[in-house]
Protein backbone atom coordinates (compact mmCIF):
# COMPACT_ATOMS: atom_id res chain seq x y z
CA MET A 1 -13.87 -11.13 -18.29
CA SER A 2 -14.49 -7.93 -20.60
CA LEU A 3 -12.23 -5.39 -21.50
CA PRO A 4 -12.61 -2.14 -20.65
CA ASN A 5 -11.75 0.95 -23.08
CA THR A 6 -8.53 3.12 -22.40
CA SER A 7 -8.68 6.63 -22.63
CA SER A 8 -7.08 6.51 -25.80
CA GLY A 9 -10.09 4.03 -26.76
CA LYS A 10 -7.58 0.98 -27.32
CA LYS A 11 -8.96 -2.70 -25.26
CA ILE A 12 -5.12 -3.58 -24.50
CA LEU A 13 -4.60 -7.36 -23.03
CA PHE A 14 -1.20 -8.40 -21.13
CA ILE A 15 -1.01 -12.12 -21.23
CA SER A 16 1.67 -14.08 -19.49
CA TRP A 17 2.05 -17.88 -19.88
CA ALA A 18 3.16 -18.29 -15.88
CA GLU A 19 1.17 -18.74 -12.82
CA ASN A 20 1.62 -15.20 -11.45
CA CYS A 21 3.43 -12.27 -12.57
CA SER A 22 3.39 -8.82 -11.28
CA ARG A 23 5.41 -7.32 -13.49
CA SER A 24 2.79 -7.79 -16.25
CA ASP A 25 -0.02 -7.05 -13.50
CA THR A 26 1.34 -3.76 -13.18
CA ILE A 27 1.96 -2.34 -16.66
CA ALA A 28 -1.23 -3.85 -17.55
CA ARG A 29 -2.88 -1.48 -15.02
CA LEU A 30 -0.61 1.41 -15.80
CA LEU A 31 -1.92 1.21 -19.36
CA GLY A 32 -5.84 0.91 -18.33
CA GLY A 33 -5.66 -2.59 -19.55
CA VAL A 34 -5.92 -6.24 -18.09
CA SER A 35 -3.98 -9.17 -17.22
CA LYS A 36 -4.19 -12.63 -17.57
CA MET A 37 -2.44 -15.47 -16.58
CA VAL A 38 -2.41 -18.53 -19.23
CA TYR A 39 -0.60 -21.67 -17.83
CA ALA A 40 -1.31 -25.48 -18.14
CA VAL A 41 -1.22 -26.34 -14.77
CA LYS A 42 -1.16 -29.94 -14.95
CA PHE A 43 1.66 -30.43 -17.68
CA GLY A 44 3.85 -28.22 -14.61
CA SER A 45 7.51 -27.57 -16.71
CA ARG A 46 9.12 -31.20 -16.90
CA PRO A 47 11.13 -31.76 -20.25
CA ALA A 48 8.35 -34.59 -20.99
CA THR A 49 5.49 -32.58 -21.35
CA VAL A 50 7.06 -28.89 -21.51
CA TRP A 51 6.02 -29.29 -25.47
CA LEU A 52 2.38 -30.17 -24.89
CA LYS A 53 2.16 -27.61 -22.24
CA TYR A 54 2.73 -25.15 -24.64
CA LEU A 55 0.65 -26.55 -27.30
CA VAL A 56 -2.21 -26.18 -24.77
CA GLN A 57 -1.27 -22.73 -23.89
CA MET A 58 -1.10 -21.75 -26.98
CA HIS A 59 -4.90 -23.09 -27.87
CA MET A 60 -6.05 -21.35 -24.45
CA THR A 61 -4.66 -18.37 -25.67
CA TRP A 62 -6.20 -17.93 -29.06
CA LYS A 63 -9.45 -18.74 -27.41
CA LEU A 64 -8.87 -15.95 -25.11
CA LEU A 65 -8.15 -12.99 -28.24
CA LYS A 66 -10.58 -14.52 -29.86
CA ARG A 67 -13.29 -14.09 -27.05
CA GLU A 68 -11.97 -10.64 -26.03
CA ARG A 69 -10.88 -9.10 -29.06
CA PRO A 70 -8.37 -6.73 -28.08
CA SER A 71 -6.54 -4.01 -29.79
CA VAL A 72 -3.37 -4.13 -28.61
CA VAL A 73 -1.70 -7.19 -26.86
CA LEU A 74 1.35 -7.25 -24.82
CA VAL A 75 3.23 -10.75 -24.01
CA MET A 76 5.60 -12.02 -21.60
CA VAL A 77 8.19 -13.41 -22.82
CA PRO A 78 10.31 -16.00 -22.61
CA PRO A 79 8.76 -18.16 -23.84
CA VAL A 80 8.91 -17.20 -27.13
CA PHE A 81 6.25 -19.54 -28.47
CA ILE A 82 3.73 -16.99 -26.59
CA CYS A 83 3.97 -14.84 -29.86
CA VAL A 84 3.21 -17.31 -32.45
CA PRO A 85 -0.98 -17.15 -31.43
CA VAL A 86 -0.51 -13.06 -30.89
CA TYR A 87 1.03 -12.64 -33.95
CA LEU A 88 -1.75 -14.60 -36.00
CA TYR A 89 -4.36 -12.83 -33.96
CA CYS A 90 -2.63 -9.33 -34.89
CA LYS A 91 -2.67 -10.44 -38.21
CA ILE A 92 -6.02 -11.56 -38.97
CA PHE A 93 -7.81 -8.77 -36.51
CA ARG A 94 -5.60 -6.05 -37.18
CA ALA A 95 -4.43 -5.70 -33.78
CA GLY A 96 -0.71 -4.67 -32.82
CA TYR A 97 1.25 -6.40 -30.24
CA ILE A 98 4.28 -5.28 -27.48
CA THR A 99 6.69 -8.03 -25.95
CA ASP A 100 7.83 -7.68 -22.57
CA THR A 101 10.83 -9.17 -22.26
CA HIS A 102 12.29 -10.67 -19.17
CA THR A 103 16.43 -10.91 -18.59
CA ALA A 104 16.22 -14.46 -18.65
CA ALA A 105 15.11 -14.65 -22.74
CA PHE A 106 18.97 -13.57 -23.51
CA THR A 107 20.73 -15.21 -20.77
CA MET A 108 19.35 -18.78 -20.11
CA SER A 109 20.89 -21.44 -21.86
CA ARG A 110 17.47 -22.91 -22.62
CA TRP A 111 16.41 -19.89 -24.62
CA LYS A 112 19.21 -18.33 -26.13
CA PRO A 113 19.34 -21.31 -29.12
CA LEU A 114 15.90 -19.72 -29.81
CA LEU A 115 16.46 -15.83 -29.80
CA PHE A 116 16.35 -15.87 -33.84
CA LEU A 117 12.62 -16.43 -33.21
CA ASN A 118 12.70 -13.44 -30.52
CA ALA A 119 14.12 -11.29 -33.47
CA TRP A 120 11.62 -12.09 -36.23
CA PHE A 121 8.63 -11.54 -33.76
CA TYR A 122 9.85 -8.26 -32.61
CA ARG A 123 10.85 -6.64 -35.74
CA ARG A 124 7.23 -7.15 -36.12
CA ALA A 125 5.86 -5.93 -33.00
CA LEU A 126 4.58 -2.33 -32.15
CA THR A 127 7.94 -1.62 -29.79
CA ASN A 128 9.60 -4.21 -27.51
CA ILE A 129 10.20 -3.64 -23.89
CA VAL A 130 13.46 -4.96 -22.15
CA THR A 131 14.74 -4.19 -18.62
CA ASN A 132 18.06 -2.34 -19.58
CA ALA A 133 20.57 -0.67 -22.06
CA HIS A 134 22.59 -4.40 -22.47
CA LEU A 135 19.63 -5.71 -23.45
CA ALA A 136 18.25 -3.11 -25.57
CA ARG A 137 21.38 -3.03 -27.86
CA GLN A 138 20.49 -6.96 -28.78
CA VAL A 139 16.98 -6.12 -29.68
CA GLU A 140 18.59 -3.00 -31.86
CA ASN A 141 21.13 -5.22 -33.34
CA TRP A 142 17.86 -7.00 -35.04
CA LYS A 143 16.66 -3.75 -36.08
CA ALA A 144 13.57 -3.69 -33.73
CA PRO A 145 11.84 -1.16 -31.95
CA PHE A 146 12.46 -1.51 -28.29
CA ILE A 147 11.98 0.80 -25.06
CA VAL A 148 13.79 0.42 -22.19
CA ILE A 149 11.69 0.03 -18.89
CA GLY A 150 13.59 -1.83 -15.61
CA ASP A 151 11.87 -1.16 -12.35
CA LEU A 152 7.67 -0.25 -12.66
CA PRO A 153 5.86 1.92 -9.90
CA VAL A 154 4.27 -0.84 -7.57
CA ARG A 155 1.27 -0.20 -5.93
CA PHE A 156 -0.42 -2.98 -3.67
CA GLU A 157 -3.76 -2.68 -3.08
CA LYS A 158 -4.14 -4.14 0.35
CA ILE A 159 -1.56 -4.75 3.20
CA LYS A 160 -1.71 -7.17 5.92
CA ALA A 161 0.66 -6.58 8.75
CA PHE A 162 3.10 -9.61 8.78
CA PRO A 163 4.01 -11.32 12.28
CA VAL A 164 7.44 -9.78 12.86
CA ASN A 165 8.47 -10.26 16.45
CA GLY A 166 10.48 -6.83 17.30
CA ARG A 167 13.80 -8.33 15.90
CA PHE A 168 15.90 -6.54 12.87
CA THR A 169 13.81 -8.42 10.05
CA VAL A 170 15.54 -8.94 6.87
CA ALA A 171 13.06 -10.35 4.09
CA VAL A 172 14.53 -12.46 1.42
CA ILE A 173 12.99 -12.38 -1.82
CA CYS A 174 13.28 -15.50 -3.98
CA SER A 175 11.50 -18.52 -6.10
CA TYR A 176 14.45 -20.94 -5.71
CA ASN A 177 16.10 -20.68 -8.84
CA PRO A 178 19.54 -21.84 -9.94
CA ASP A 179 21.25 -17.73 -9.73
CA GLU A 180 19.87 -17.02 -6.37
CA PRO A 181 22.97 -17.89 -3.99
CA LEU A 182 20.91 -19.06 -1.02
CA GLU A 183 23.17 -21.12 0.38
CA GLU A 184 25.55 -18.44 0.86
CA ILE A 185 22.51 -16.75 2.53
CA TRP A 186 22.39 -19.45 4.62
CA GLN A 187 25.87 -19.04 5.88
CA ALA A 188 25.46 -15.37 6.40
CA ALA A 189 22.09 -16.17 8.68
CA ARG A 190 24.67 -18.29 10.58
CA ALA A 191 27.00 -15.50 11.16
CA LEU A 192 24.07 -13.53 12.52
CA PRO A 193 21.80 -15.14 14.92
CA GLN A 194 20.22 -12.25 16.13
CA VAL A 195 18.69 -11.28 12.88
CA ASP A 196 15.45 -13.02 11.56
CA PHE A 197 15.76 -13.98 7.45
CA PHE A 198 12.08 -14.53 6.16
CA VAL A 199 12.56 -16.62 2.90
CA THR A 200 9.71 -16.13 0.73
CA GLY A 201 8.96 -18.96 -2.69
CA LYS A 202 7.09 -22.23 -2.64
CA VAL A 203 8.88 -24.37 -0.55
CA LYS A 204 8.12 -27.61 -2.56
CA ASP A 205 10.41 -25.73 -5.29
CA ALA A 206 13.13 -25.79 -2.29
CA PRO A 207 16.22 -27.85 -2.88
CA PRO A 208 15.85 -30.24 0.17
CA HIS A 209 19.49 -29.70 1.40
CA LEU A 210 18.23 -26.41 1.72
CA VAL A 211 15.29 -27.00 3.84
CA ASN A 212 16.68 -29.85 5.59
CA ASN A 213 20.17 -27.44 6.51
CA LYS A 214 18.77 -24.24 7.66
CA PRO A 215 19.86 -22.34 10.32
CA GLU A 216 17.26 -21.67 13.29
CA ASN A 217 16.91 -17.93 12.40
CA VAL A 218 15.78 -18.44 8.55
CA ARG A 219 12.19 -19.04 8.33
CA LEU A 220 10.36 -20.26 5.23
CA THR A 221 7.19 -18.02 4.59
CA ASP A 222 6.13 -20.52 1.60
CA PHE A 223 4.59 -18.69 -1.09
CA LEU A 224 2.21 -15.52 0.35
CA ALA A 225 -0.73 -14.13 -0.62
CA LEU A 226 -0.15 -10.67 -2.50
CA ASP A 227 -1.39 -8.84 0.68
CA LEU A 228 0.64 -10.19 3.14
CA TYR A 229 3.69 -10.19 1.40
CA ALA A 230 3.25 -6.81 0.85
CA GLY A 231 3.16 -6.38 4.86
CA LEU A 232 6.50 -8.44 4.98
CA VAL A 233 8.37 -6.32 2.68
CA ARG A 234 6.86 -3.18 4.35
CA ASP A 235 7.55 -4.79 7.99
CA SER A 236 10.99 -5.93 7.60
CA HIS A 237 14.23 -3.72 8.21
CA ALA A 238 15.22 -4.78 4.81
CA VAL A 239 14.64 -6.69 1.52
CA MET A 240 17.47 -9.20 0.33
CA VAL A 241 17.29 -10.12 -3.52
CA LEU A 242 20.77 -11.48 -5.09
CA THR A 243 21.15 -12.86 -8.42
CA THR A 244 24.62 -14.16 -9.72
CA ARG A 245 23.09 -13.14 -13.16
CA ASP A 246 24.36 -9.98 -14.41
CA HIS A 247 21.82 -7.47 -16.30
CA THR A 248 19.07 -8.92 -14.22
CA MET A 249 16.39 -6.55 -13.01
CA GLN A 250 14.87 -7.64 -9.54
CA ARG A 251 11.68 -7.07 -9.00
CA GLY A 252 11.35 -7.58 -5.94
CA ALA A 253 13.71 -4.36 -5.20
CA TYR A 254 11.52 -2.31 -6.53
CA GLU A 255 8.29 -3.47 -4.28
CA ALA A 256 10.56 -2.52 -1.30
CA MET A 257 11.53 0.68 -3.05
CA ALA A 258 7.60 1.02 -3.47
CA LEU A 259 6.98 0.76 0.52
CA GLY A 260 10.06 2.90 1.32
CA THR A 261 12.20 -0.21 2.59
CA PRO A 262 16.14 -0.76 1.97
CA VAL A 263 17.26 -2.93 -0.08
CA ILE A 264 20.37 -5.61 -0.06
CA THR A 265 21.43 -6.80 -3.86
CA SER A 266 24.02 -8.32 -5.59
CA ASP A 267 26.68 -5.71 -7.02
CA TRP A 268 26.05 -5.63 -10.66
CA PRO A 269 25.99 -2.19 -12.68
CA LEU A 270 22.08 -2.31 -13.50
CA LEU A 271 21.28 -2.55 -9.67
CA ARG A 272 23.63 0.22 -8.74
CA GLU A 273 22.46 2.13 -11.44
CA THR A 274 18.54 1.49 -10.63
CA PHE A 275 18.83 1.64 -6.73
CA SER A 276 21.74 4.69 -6.13
CA LYS A 277 19.80 5.21 -3.16
CA GLY A 278 18.79 3.66 0.00
CA ALA A 279 20.78 -0.07 -0.99
CA LEU A 280 24.07 -1.79 -0.28
CA PHE A 281 25.45 -4.03 -2.55
CA VAL A 282 27.06 -7.16 -2.32
CA ASP A 283 29.46 -9.91 -4.12
CA ASN A 284 27.25 -12.69 -3.14
CA THR A 285 29.42 -14.28 -0.64
CA PRO A 286 28.27 -14.89 3.25
CA GLN A 287 31.14 -12.59 4.35
CA SER A 288 29.76 -9.65 1.99
CA ILE A 289 26.19 -10.87 3.09
CA ALA A 290 26.70 -10.64 6.43
CA GLN A 291 28.69 -7.24 6.45
CA ALA A 292 25.87 -5.51 4.47
CA VAL A 293 23.32 -6.45 7.01
CA ARG A 294 25.65 -5.23 9.95
CA THR A 295 25.88 -1.58 7.95
CA LEU A 296 22.16 -1.60 7.82
CA GLN A 297 21.78 -2.04 11.20
CA ALA A 298 23.85 0.46 12.33
CA SER A 299 22.48 3.32 9.82
CA TRP A 300 18.95 2.21 9.44
CA PRO A 301 17.48 5.54 9.38
CA GLU A 302 19.50 6.96 6.49
CA TYR A 303 19.21 4.12 4.52
CA GLN A 304 15.39 4.11 4.88
CA ALA A 305 15.01 8.19 3.98
CA ALA A 306 17.37 7.25 1.23
CA MET A 307 15.00 4.78 -0.22
CA GLN A 308 12.03 7.35 -0.09
CA ALA A 309 13.77 9.52 -1.87
CA GLN A 310 15.10 7.27 -4.61
CA ARG A 311 11.35 6.51 -4.81
CA GLN A 312 10.36 9.59 -6.25
CA GLU A 313 13.11 10.23 -8.64
CA ARG A 314 12.52 6.50 -10.31
CA HIS A 315 8.43 7.40 -10.30
CA GLU A 316 9.31 10.43 -12.31
CA LEU A 317 11.49 8.50 -14.56
CA TRP A 318 8.65 6.19 -15.44
CA ARG A 319 6.67 8.59 -16.29
CA GLU A 320 8.77 9.62 -19.56
CA LYS A 321 8.52 5.86 -20.37
CA GLU A 322 5.13 6.02 -19.99
CA LYS A 323 4.48 8.30 -22.77
CA ALA A 324 6.83 6.54 -24.81
CA LEU A 325 4.55 3.47 -24.55
CA HIS A 326 1.24 5.27 -25.62
CA THR A 327 3.32 6.59 -28.50
CA ALA A 328 3.73 2.94 -29.37
CA LEU A 329 0.22 2.20 -28.72
CA ALA A 330 -1.00 5.08 -31.04
CA ALA A 331 0.21 2.93 -33.76
CA VAL A 332 -2.59 1.05 -33.57
CA GLN A 333 -5.89 2.41 -35.47
């Protein structure tokens, strides 16, 4: 891998300690940089080995930085430990870094005790990307620079048709995380036997009781290749992406928006503000979820047209955010 020079003469590298992250990939592409995943697969995320994994990934990150010599480094947080080798590299080689902070860094119990580290690193960053105004206030309290970027313009390079069968189809985007109300979705699906639900995410991560007790009209796709995933999002009548956590942006929802597919999501202020058109909002109960699907079935063309209008509005908003990011990049000589 060799980093290209951007139009401003910068070499931009986005590093994520993950197996994949489409948000990181998108930001890197929009800035003219390169996205790189650094992940020590063999250690997994088990409590007994996670610290060893982080040490190995610090070493891998340092080697990557020394080899590529970026002038600007973006990092995905959490975990905040990714900032250690990046900060040292930037200090030694006169580069700059930007954090892209996912909501979990502020809300998950495993990361909240480490926020003092976030504050220290964030005050020394060029800027810090957060997904909503609530998180921005916390970063502002640290006297650290920030920019709010919730959704991003998504572009799928390739789209492969997904084999839907002609019935009303809902794509359920999930990772089998604790904040996803999957049992409630299963109950809603039982009330809608005429609707097909295709559930993404690695089946190995799914709780066994969900796999063993799913309704007949719920189909687990397992992890999909990006082109086939895009096909599922495009070819479904709706994309459902739910969370029990407030202040959580939903990547799957703006992937749906990019392809003009209506969205069913959780009724949180952030999501209502972001997806004000072409979306239905639920309280995460089976009854609310089922009713949203029925409403969408009855008025699908109207919701699809509204989502396409929403897509254009959000794209114009992104242009303003992009200018702010380039202003931060300009601080690196």
